[in-house]
Amino acid sequence: LPFADGVFDGVCCFAALHLFAEPFTALEHMLRVLAPGGRIAILTSFRAESSTGRVLSTTAARVGGMRLFGRDAIAGALAERGAHRIQLRLFGATQFVSAQTRVH
């Protein structure tokens, strides 16, 4: 993202992260531009951990370039990058994940 570090109080990415070529790099940049205590909100795809979910994920990626994220992929990536107060809500084939950056 073409912004300085820590300049935004909030970042949201709705219905797009699953289309990014490098979604976890994008998450790093979203967190980078957040000020201490800033909030991030992500609405993206969800892949059930069943064999059917894995088949749908493979098909979606091959046909449409869409990635389906497993239950802990986004929440885990945010935690690994220092976010806290992470909340995950599942809605069928979508997930909403929110978190906050730490106050120094």
C-alpha atoms as a PDB file:
ATOM      1  CA  LEU A   1       0.000   0.000   0.000  1.00  0.00           C
ATOM      2  CA  PRO A   2       1.374   3.423  -0.903  1.00  0.00           C
ATOM      3  CA  PHE A   3       0.921   4.914   2.574  1.00  0.00           C
ATOM      4  CA  ALA A   4       3.235   5.624   5.472  1.00  0.00           C
ATOM      5  CA  ASP A   5       3.297   3.324   8.492  1.00  0.00           C
ATOM      6  CA  GLY A   6       0.705   3.869  11.214  1.00  0.00           C
ATOM      7  CA  VAL A   7      -1.442   6.517   9.516  1.00  0.00           C
ATOM      8  CA  PHE A   8      -4.920   4.929   9.617  1.00  0.00           C
ATOM      9  CA  ASP A   9      -7.270   4.141  12.497  1.00  0.00           C
ATOM     10  CA  GLY A  10      -9.051   1.489  10.457  1.00  0.00           C
ATOM     11  CA  VAL A  11      -8.614  -0.680   7.387  1.00  0.00           C
ATOM     12  CA  CYS A  12     -11.265  -2.832   5.765  1.00  0.00           C
ATOM     13  CA  CYS A  13     -11.092  -5.271   2.892  1.00  0.00           C
ATOM     14  CA  PHE A  14     -14.454  -6.692   1.884  1.00  0.00           C
ATOM     15  CA  ALA A  15     -14.885  -9.396  -0.773  1.00  0.00           C
ATOM     16  CA  ALA A  16     -11.447  -8.914  -2.345  1.00  0.00           C
ATOM     17  CA  LEU A  17      -8.687 -10.625  -0.334  1.00  0.00           C
ATOM     18  CA  HIS A  18      -9.501 -14.022  -1.849  1.00  0.00           C
ATOM     19  CA  LEU A  19      -8.683 -12.586  -5.293  1.00  0.00           C
ATOM     20  CA  PHE A  20      -5.251 -11.166  -4.402  1.00  0.00           C
ATOM     21  CA  ALA A  21      -2.176 -12.906  -5.803  1.00  0.00           C
ATOM     22  CA  GLU A  22      -0.420 -12.532  -2.424  1.00  0.00           C
ATOM     23  CA  PRO A  23      -3.141 -12.162   0.233  1.00  0.00           C
ATOM     24  CA  PHE A  24      -0.861 -12.604   3.248  1.00  0.00           C
ATOM     25  CA  THR A  25       1.527  -9.928   2.001  1.00  0.00           C
ATOM     26  CA  ALA A  26      -1.524  -7.687   1.609  1.00  0.00           C
ATOM     27  CA  LEU A  27      -2.471  -8.384   5.250  1.00  0.00           C
ATOM     28  CA  GLU A  28       1.039  -7.347   6.328  1.00  0.00           C
ATOM     29  CA  HIS A  29       0.647  -4.033   4.530  1.00  0.00           C
ATOM     30  CA  MET A  30      -2.839  -3.455   5.943  1.00  0.00           C
ATOM     31  CA  LEU A  31      -1.489  -3.947   9.464  1.00  0.00           C
ATOM     32  CA  ARG A  32       1.567  -1.803   8.712  1.00  0.00           C
ATOM     33  CA  VAL A  33      -0.518   1.261   7.863  1.00  0.00           C
ATOM     34  CA  LEU A  34      -2.632   0.962  11.023  1.00  0.00           C
ATOM     35  CA  ALA A  35      -1.907   3.228  13.958  1.00  0.00           C
ATOM     36  CA  PRO A  36      -1.431   1.634  17.393  1.00  0.00           C
ATOM     37  CA  GLY A  37      -4.858   0.476  18.550  1.00  0.00           C
ATOM     38  CA  GLY A  38      -6.164   0.558  14.961  1.00  0.00           C
ATOM     39  CA  ARG A  39      -8.796  -1.899  13.753  1.00  0.00           C
ATOM     40  CA  ILE A  40      -8.828  -4.177  10.722  1.00  0.00           C
ATOM     41  CA  ALA A  41     -11.916  -5.830   9.246  1.00  0.00           C
ATOM     42  CA  ILE A  42     -11.763  -8.542   6.582  1.00  0.00           C
ATOM     43  CA  LEU A  43     -14.695 -10.182   4.789  1.00  0.00           C
ATOM     44  CA  THR A  44     -13.506 -13.023   2.606  1.00  0.00           C
ATOM     45  CA  SER A  45     -14.137 -16.579   1.515  1.00  0.00           C
ATOM     46  CA  PHE A  46     -14.361 -19.594   3.786  1.00  0.00           C
ATOM     47  CA  ARG A  47     -13.571 -23.173   2.872  1.00  0.00           C
ATOM     48  CA  ALA A  48     -15.074 -25.943   4.926  1.00  0.00           C
ATOM     49  CA  GLU A  49     -12.471 -28.499   6.004  1.00  0.00           C
ATOM     50  CA  SER A  50     -14.423 -31.349   4.424  1.00  0.00           C
ATOM     51  CA  SER A  51     -13.364 -33.218   1.294  1.00  0.00           C
ATOM     52  CA  THR A  52     -16.112 -31.352  -0.579  1.00  0.00           C
ATOM     53  CA  GLY A  53     -14.663 -28.060   0.651  1.00  0.00           C
ATOM     54  CA  ARG A  54     -11.225 -28.995  -0.636  1.00  0.00           C
ATOM     55  CA  VAL A  55     -12.648 -29.953  -4.053  1.00  0.00           C
ATOM     56  CA  LEU A  56     -14.569 -26.659  -4.253  1.00  0.00           C
ATOM     57  CA  SER A  57     -11.419 -24.758  -3.278  1.00  0.00           C
ATOM     58  CA  THR A  58      -9.363 -26.412  -6.006  1.00  0.00           C
ATOM     59  CA  THR A  59     -12.080 -25.829  -8.609  1.00  0.00           C
ATOM     60  CA  ALA A  60     -12.610 -22.181  -7.608  1.00  0.00           C
ATOM     61  CA  ALA A  61      -8.879 -21.504  -7.852  1.00  0.00           C
ATOM     62  CA  ARG A  62      -8.494 -23.234 -11.201  1.00  0.00           C
ATOM     63  CA  VAL A  63     -11.599 -21.798 -12.871  1.00  0.00           C
ATOM     64  CA  GLY A  64     -11.876 -18.322 -11.391  1.00  0.00           C
ATOM     65  CA  GLY A  65      -8.612 -17.541  -9.659  1.00  0.00           C
ATOM     66  CA  MET A  66     -10.459 -17.388  -6.333  1.00  0.00           C
ATOM     67  CA  ARG A  67      -8.840 -18.642  -3.151  1.00  0.00           C
ATOM     68  CA  LEU A  68     -10.945 -20.189  -0.379  1.00  0.00           C
ATOM     69  CA  PHE A  69      -9.381 -19.698   3.062  1.00  0.00           C
ATOM     70  CA  GLY A  70      -9.583 -22.304   5.800  1.00  0.00           C
ATOM     71  CA  ARG A  71     -11.104 -21.501   9.174  1.00  0.00           C
ATOM     72  CA  ASP A  72      -7.892 -20.295  10.854  1.00  0.00           C
ATOM     73  CA  ALA A  73      -5.960 -18.947   7.867  1.00  0.00           C
ATOM     74  CA  ILE A  74      -6.821 -15.249   8.184  1.00  0.00           C
ATOM     75  CA  ALA A  75      -7.194 -15.112  11.972  1.00  0.00           C
ATOM     76  CA  GLY A  76      -3.936 -17.047  12.339  1.00  0.00           C
ATOM     77  CA  ALA A  77      -2.106 -14.789   9.893  1.00  0.00           C
ATOM     78  CA  LEU A  78      -3.253 -11.711  11.816  1.00  0.00           C
ATOM     79  CA  ALA A  79      -2.134 -13.238  15.122  1.00  0.00           C
ATOM     80  CA  GLU A  80       1.267 -14.174  13.648  1.00  0.00           C
ATOM     81  CA  ARG A  81       1.680 -10.547  12.595  1.00  0.00           C
ATOM     82  CA  GLY A  82       1.007  -9.196  16.089  1.00  0.00           C
ATOM     83  CA  ALA A  83      -2.709  -8.389  15.955  1.00  0.00           C
ATOM     84  CA  HIS A  84      -4.859  -9.142  18.986  1.00  0.00           C
ATOM     85  CA  ARG A  85      -8.525  -9.090  20.016  1.00  0.00           C
ATOM     86  CA  ILE A  86      -9.168 -11.242  16.967  1.00  0.00           C
ATOM     87  CA  GLN A  87     -12.763 -12.216  16.291  1.00  0.00           C
ATOM     88  CA  LEU A  88     -13.908 -14.684  13.651  1.00  0.00           C
ATOM     89  CA  ARG A  89     -17.479 -15.156  12.446  1.00  0.00           C
ATOM     90  CA  LEU A  90     -18.471 -17.706   9.812  1.00  0.00           C
ATOM     91  CA  PHE A  91     -21.428 -17.241   7.461  1.00  0.00           C
ATOM     92  CA  GLY A  92     -21.750 -20.118   4.995  1.00  0.00           C
ATOM     93  CA  ALA A  93     -18.989 -19.688   2.416  1.00  0.00           C
ATOM     94  CA  THR A  94     -17.755 -16.394   3.912  1.00  0.00           C
ATOM     95  CA  GLN A  95     -15.909 -15.326   7.017  1.00  0.00           C
ATOM     96  CA  PHE A  96     -15.615 -11.998   8.801  1.00  0.00           C
ATOM     97  CA  VAL A  97     -12.425 -11.464  10.762  1.00  0.00           C
ATOM     98  CA  SER A  98     -11.669  -8.380  12.825  1.00  0.00           C
ATOM     99  CA  ALA A  99      -8.663  -7.516  14.960  1.00  0.00           C
ATOM    100  CA  GLN A 100      -6.792  -4.671  16.564  1.00  0.00           C
ATOM    101  CA  THR A 101      -3.156  -3.613  16.524  1.00  0.00           C
ATOM    102  CA  ARG A 102      -1.421  -3.383  19.853  1.00  0.00           C
ATOM    103  CA  VAL A 103      -0.916  -0.064  21.604  1.00  0.00           C
ATOM    104  CA  HIS A 104       2.802   0.380  22.290  1.00  0.00           C
END
